[in-house]
Protein backbone atom coordinates (compact mmCIF):
# COMPACT_ATOMS: atom_id res chain seq x y z
CA MET A 1 21.05 49.10 96.20
CA LEU A 2 17.66 49.22 94.50
CA GLU A 3 17.47 45.44 94.55
CA GLN A 4 18.20 45.36 98.29
CA GLU A 5 15.48 47.91 98.93
CA SER A 6 12.94 46.00 96.84
CA ASN A 7 13.71 42.78 98.71
CA SER A 8 13.64 44.31 102.19
CA THR A 9 10.24 42.79 102.92
CA ILE A 10 11.54 39.27 102.19
CA SER A 11 13.27 37.15 104.82
CA LYS A 12 16.80 36.16 103.77
CA THR A 13 16.48 32.78 105.49
CA THR A 14 12.95 31.61 104.55
CA ARG A 15 12.54 33.72 101.37
CA LEU A 16 9.00 34.44 102.57
CA PRO A 17 7.51 37.89 103.18
CA ARG A 18 8.00 39.28 106.70
CA LYS A 19 4.76 40.05 108.51
CA ARG A 20 6.06 43.16 110.24
CA PHE A 21 5.95 44.99 106.92
CA TYR A 22 2.29 44.07 106.38
CA ARG A 23 0.79 44.70 109.82
CA ALA A 24 -2.65 46.29 109.92
CA ARG A 25 -5.47 46.79 112.36
CA ALA A 26 -6.78 43.51 113.74
CA HIS A 27 -10.14 44.07 112.04
CA SER A 28 -11.85 46.39 109.57
CA ASN A 29 -15.34 47.83 109.47
CA PRO A 30 -17.22 45.60 106.99
CA LEU A 31 -19.96 48.21 106.57
CA SER A 32 -17.63 50.93 105.30
CA ASP A 33 -17.19 51.54 101.60
CA SER A 34 -13.88 50.28 100.23
CA HIS A 35 -12.78 50.57 96.64
CA PHE A 36 -11.58 47.45 94.87
CA PRO A 37 -12.68 45.58 91.74
CA VAL A 38 -15.51 43.08 92.17
CA PRO A 39 -16.62 40.58 89.49
CA ILE A 40 -20.12 41.19 88.17
CA SER A 41 -20.91 37.48 88.50
CA PRO A 42 -19.09 34.23 89.35
CA ASN A 43 -18.30 33.53 85.70
CA GLN A 44 -16.29 36.77 85.67
CA VAL A 45 -13.87 35.60 88.39
CA ASP A 46 -10.37 35.73 86.86
CA TYR A 47 -9.13 32.14 87.30
CA PRO A 48 -5.94 32.66 85.22
CA LEU A 49 -4.99 35.52 87.54
CA HIS A 50 -5.48 33.45 90.68
CA TYR A 51 -4.27 30.06 89.41
CA PRO A 52 -1.93 30.79 86.48
CA GLN A 53 -0.37 27.33 86.27
CA LEU A 54 -3.73 25.59 86.22
CA PHE A 55 -5.36 28.12 83.87
CA PRO A 56 -2.63 29.60 81.62
CA SER A 57 -5.23 31.50 79.62
CA SER A 58 -8.88 32.43 79.83
CA ASP A 59 -9.57 30.03 76.94
CA GLN A 60 -8.83 27.12 79.27
CA VAL A 61 -11.45 28.09 81.84
CA ASP A 62 -14.25 25.71 80.92
CA GLY A 63 -16.15 25.78 84.19
CA SER A 64 -15.41 22.16 85.05
CA LYS A 65 -13.01 23.12 87.84
CA LYS A 66 -14.16 25.81 90.25
CA ILE A 67 -13.23 27.17 93.65
CA GLN A 68 -14.57 24.88 96.36
CA PHE A 69 -13.09 26.23 99.61
CA ALA A 70 -13.47 29.83 100.84
CA ASP A 71 -11.66 31.16 103.91
CA ILE A 72 -13.60 34.25 104.96
CA GLY A 73 -11.37 36.82 106.64
CA CYS A 74 -8.32 34.65 105.95
CA GLY A 75 -5.85 36.82 107.87
CA PHE A 76 -2.24 35.96 107.09
CA GLY A 77 -3.23 32.80 105.23
CA GLY A 78 -2.09 30.11 107.65
CA LEU A 79 -5.14 27.93 107.16
CA LEU A 80 -5.04 28.28 103.37
CA ILE A 81 -1.41 27.19 103.23
CA SER A 82 -2.17 24.11 105.33
CA LEU A 83 -5.26 23.22 103.31
CA SER A 84 -3.43 23.65 100.01
CA THR A 85 -1.22 20.60 100.59
CA LEU A 86 -3.93 18.62 102.39
CA PHE A 87 -6.29 19.02 99.40
CA PRO A 88 -3.93 19.53 96.43
CA GLU A 89 -6.64 18.96 93.80
CA THR A 90 -9.06 21.48 95.30
CA LEU A 91 -9.16 25.15 94.34
CA MET A 92 -9.43 27.47 97.34
CA ILE A 93 -9.40 31.19 97.99
CA GLY A 94 -9.00 33.51 100.94
CA MET A 95 -11.20 36.60 101.16
CA GLU A 96 -9.70 39.44 103.19
CA LEU A 97 -10.78 43.06 103.57
CA ARG A 98 -7.50 44.56 104.82
CA ASP A 99 -5.27 45.60 101.92
CA LYS A 100 -1.87 45.11 103.59
CA VAL A 101 -2.82 41.68 104.89
CA THR A 102 -4.12 40.65 101.47
CA GLU A 103 -0.84 41.75 99.90
CA TYR A 104 1.11 39.69 102.43
CA VAL A 105 -0.87 36.55 101.59
CA LYS A 106 -0.31 37.14 97.86
CA GLU A 107 3.44 37.48 98.40
CA ARG A 108 3.48 34.42 100.66
CA ILE A 109 1.77 32.25 98.07
CA LEU A 110 4.03 33.49 95.28
CA ALA A 111 7.14 32.82 97.37
CA LEU A 112 5.97 29.30 98.20
CA ARG A 113 5.21 28.57 94.54
CA ILE A 114 8.77 29.56 93.65
CA ALA A 115 10.36 27.71 96.56
CA ILE A 116 8.41 24.48 96.00
CA PRO A 117 7.58 24.17 92.28
CA GLY A 118 4.30 22.42 91.58
CA GLN A 119 2.79 23.13 94.99
CA TYR A 120 0.46 25.87 96.20
CA GLN A 121 -0.91 26.39 92.69
CA ASN A 122 -4.43 25.71 93.97
CA VAL A 123 -4.59 28.54 96.49
CA SER A 124 -5.12 32.29 96.08
CA VAL A 125 -6.42 35.36 97.87
CA VAL A 126 -8.58 38.32 96.96
CA ARG A 127 -9.23 41.63 98.67
CA THR A 128 -12.97 41.95 99.01
CA ASN A 129 -15.82 42.36 101.46
CA SER A 130 -17.35 38.92 101.88
CA MET A 131 -20.32 40.34 103.76
CA LYS A 132 -21.38 42.07 100.55
CA TYR A 133 -20.01 40.13 97.61
CA ILE A 134 -20.28 36.37 98.20
CA PRO A 135 -22.83 36.00 95.32
CA ASN A 136 -20.41 37.81 93.00
CA TYR A 137 -17.79 35.10 93.47
CA PHE A 138 -19.68 31.84 93.91
CA GLU A 139 -22.56 30.16 92.13
CA LYS A 140 -25.36 28.37 93.90
CA GLY A 141 -24.01 25.23 95.58
CA GLN A 142 -20.46 25.81 94.33
CA LEU A 143 -18.59 25.59 97.63
CA SER A 144 -17.96 22.50 99.74
CA LYS A 145 -16.27 24.24 102.69
CA MET A 146 -16.40 27.72 104.22
CA PHE A 147 -14.20 28.90 107.08
CA PHE A 148 -14.75 31.66 109.64
CA LEU A 149 -11.79 31.57 111.99
CA PHE A 150 -11.47 34.04 114.85
CA PRO A 151 -13.76 36.70 113.34
CA ASP A 152 -14.15 40.17 114.84
CA PRO A 153 -16.43 39.76 117.90
CA HIS A 154 -17.94 43.26 117.64
CA PHE A 155 -18.66 43.27 121.36
CA LYS A 156 -21.09 46.20 121.48
CA GLU A 157 -24.66 45.13 120.87
CA LYS A 158 -25.19 47.97 118.38
CA ASN A 159 -22.37 46.47 116.28
CA HIS A 160 -23.67 42.90 116.23
CA ARG A 161 -24.99 43.62 112.73
CA ARG A 162 -21.34 43.70 111.64
CA ARG A 163 -20.74 40.11 112.73
CA VAL A 164 -19.83 37.81 109.86
CA ILE A 165 -22.13 35.08 111.18
CA SER A 166 -25.74 36.22 111.41
CA PRO A 167 -29.12 34.81 110.39
CA HIS A 168 -29.36 36.81 107.15
CA LEU A 169 -25.75 36.16 106.12
CA LEU A 170 -26.26 32.45 106.72
CA ASP A 171 -28.85 32.61 103.94
CA GLU A 172 -26.09 33.71 101.56
CA TYR A 173 -23.67 31.08 102.83
CA ALA A 174 -26.34 28.40 102.42
CA TYR A 175 -26.78 29.58 98.84
CA ALA A 176 -23.05 29.26 98.07
CA LEU A 177 -22.60 25.92 99.86
CA GLY A 178 -23.70 22.71 98.21
CA VAL A 179 -25.81 20.23 100.16
CA GLY A 180 -23.38 18.36 102.39
CA GLY A 181 -20.94 21.29 102.45
CA ILE A 182 -19.41 22.25 105.78
CA ILE A 183 -19.16 25.60 107.53
CA TYR A 184 -16.36 25.84 110.13
CA THR A 185 -16.26 28.51 112.83
CA ILE A 186 -13.96 29.07 115.80
CA THR A 187 -13.37 31.91 118.27
CA ASP A 188 -11.72 32.51 121.63
CA VAL A 189 -14.63 34.72 122.73
CA GLU A 190 -17.22 32.59 124.50
CA GLU A 191 -20.12 34.96 123.90
CA LEU A 192 -19.37 35.08 120.17
CA GLY A 193 -19.05 31.30 120.09
CA GLU A 194 -22.50 30.99 121.63
CA TRP A 195 -23.85 33.57 119.17
CA MET A 196 -22.51 31.71 116.13
CA LYS A 197 -23.76 28.37 117.41
CA SER A 198 -27.19 29.88 118.14
CA CYS A 199 -27.42 31.37 114.64
CA LEU A 200 -26.49 28.06 113.03
CA ASP A 201 -28.83 26.06 115.29
CA GLY A 202 -31.66 28.39 114.36
CA HIS A 203 -31.14 28.16 110.61
CA PRO A 204 -33.22 25.51 108.80
CA MET A 205 -30.43 24.66 106.33
CA PHE A 206 -27.66 23.74 108.76
CA GLU A 207 -27.16 20.90 111.22
CA ALA A 208 -24.28 20.31 113.65
CA LEU A 209 -21.75 17.59 112.93
CA THR A 210 -21.70 14.75 115.42
CA HIS A 211 -18.77 14.18 117.76
CA GLU A 212 -17.70 11.20 115.67
CA GLU A 213 -17.77 13.28 112.48
CA LEU A 214 -15.70 16.02 114.09
CA GLU A 215 -13.11 13.49 115.25
CA ALA A 216 -12.83 12.01 111.76
CA ASP A 217 -12.49 15.36 109.95
CA PRO A 218 -8.79 16.29 109.52
CA VAL A 219 -9.72 19.93 108.91
CA VAL A 220 -11.13 20.37 112.43
CA LYS A 221 -7.68 19.88 113.92
CA LEU A 222 -6.36 22.80 111.84
CA LEU A 223 -8.92 25.30 113.10
CA SER A 224 -7.02 26.05 116.30
CA SER A 225 -3.46 25.41 115.09
CA ALA A 226 -3.03 26.71 111.54
CA THR A 227 -3.72 30.42 112.05
CA GLU A 228 -1.72 33.11 113.80
CA GLU A 229 -4.71 33.86 116.06
CA GLY A 230 -5.12 30.22 117.05
CA GLN A 231 -1.44 29.85 117.84
CA LYS A 232 -1.57 32.98 120.00
CA VAL A 233 -4.53 31.61 121.96
CA ALA A 234 -2.66 28.32 122.48
CA ARG A 235 0.48 30.11 123.70
CA ASN A 236 -1.57 32.06 126.22
CA GLY A 237 -3.40 28.97 127.41
CA GLY A 238 -6.74 30.30 126.20
CA GLN A 239 -9.92 28.43 125.34
CA THR A 240 -11.57 28.17 121.95
CA PHE A 241 -15.18 27.59 120.96
CA GLN A 242 -15.98 25.75 117.73
CA ALA A 243 -19.17 25.36 115.77
CA VAL A 244 -19.03 23.09 112.72
CA TYR A 245 -22.20 22.58 110.72
CA ARG A 246 -23.34 20.81 107.57
CA ARG A 247 -25.47 22.38 104.86
CA ILE A 248 -28.63 20.31 104.48
CA ALA A 249 -31.56 20.42 102.07
CA ARG A 250 -34.46 22.55 103.21
CA CYS A 251 -37.22 20.47 104.74
CA LEU A 252 -40.58 21.07 103.08
């Protein structure tokens, strides 16, 4: 009986966690104070905790292999799961503020690791506020890709300061991204799409990818199909607005 109760959140057919037990509000207030552990600096990030097969102990963390992809506001982890098999040698992490959603992604990754031994060892998730703590997790130039998929639009003008893409936050993202790194954004809200594109156009350390580069990038195709939000937009026949930019060196 106790075993049945403990497994009630797991699907009997897929052996994956069931989302209905982890539902939460669509978005959280990023300016509110939440209580969760935060590393003092990037070298304090617990790699053995996130990637136990790759780093069985802290003694084996030599700094040669670091997280390169960050999915900001990763939701239920659809993009991370797709990226994990597309880039099996790359460490990646989802950063999510909602506790129930973070727990779902953790359980999903653990279930996939058990179901398919040897896979999904390069992906993890952490509950944190990425608008405050990016420098705590990533060194200068550490990342090669950052993802912002269907972020909270914060429609009211007084709440635009809560938007995850803004001129001052782009400074932090430019710090964490190496030269040549890519920032991917997508939304189904046209005004927000224009806002994000305007912010990126106005920043001296980002330039838009060309049409040819977008066509050649396999990740771009996942932006609208890998996440629950993107699939919902597609089912409803909605439109999406992408902005994909490259981190460039500052021109002197």
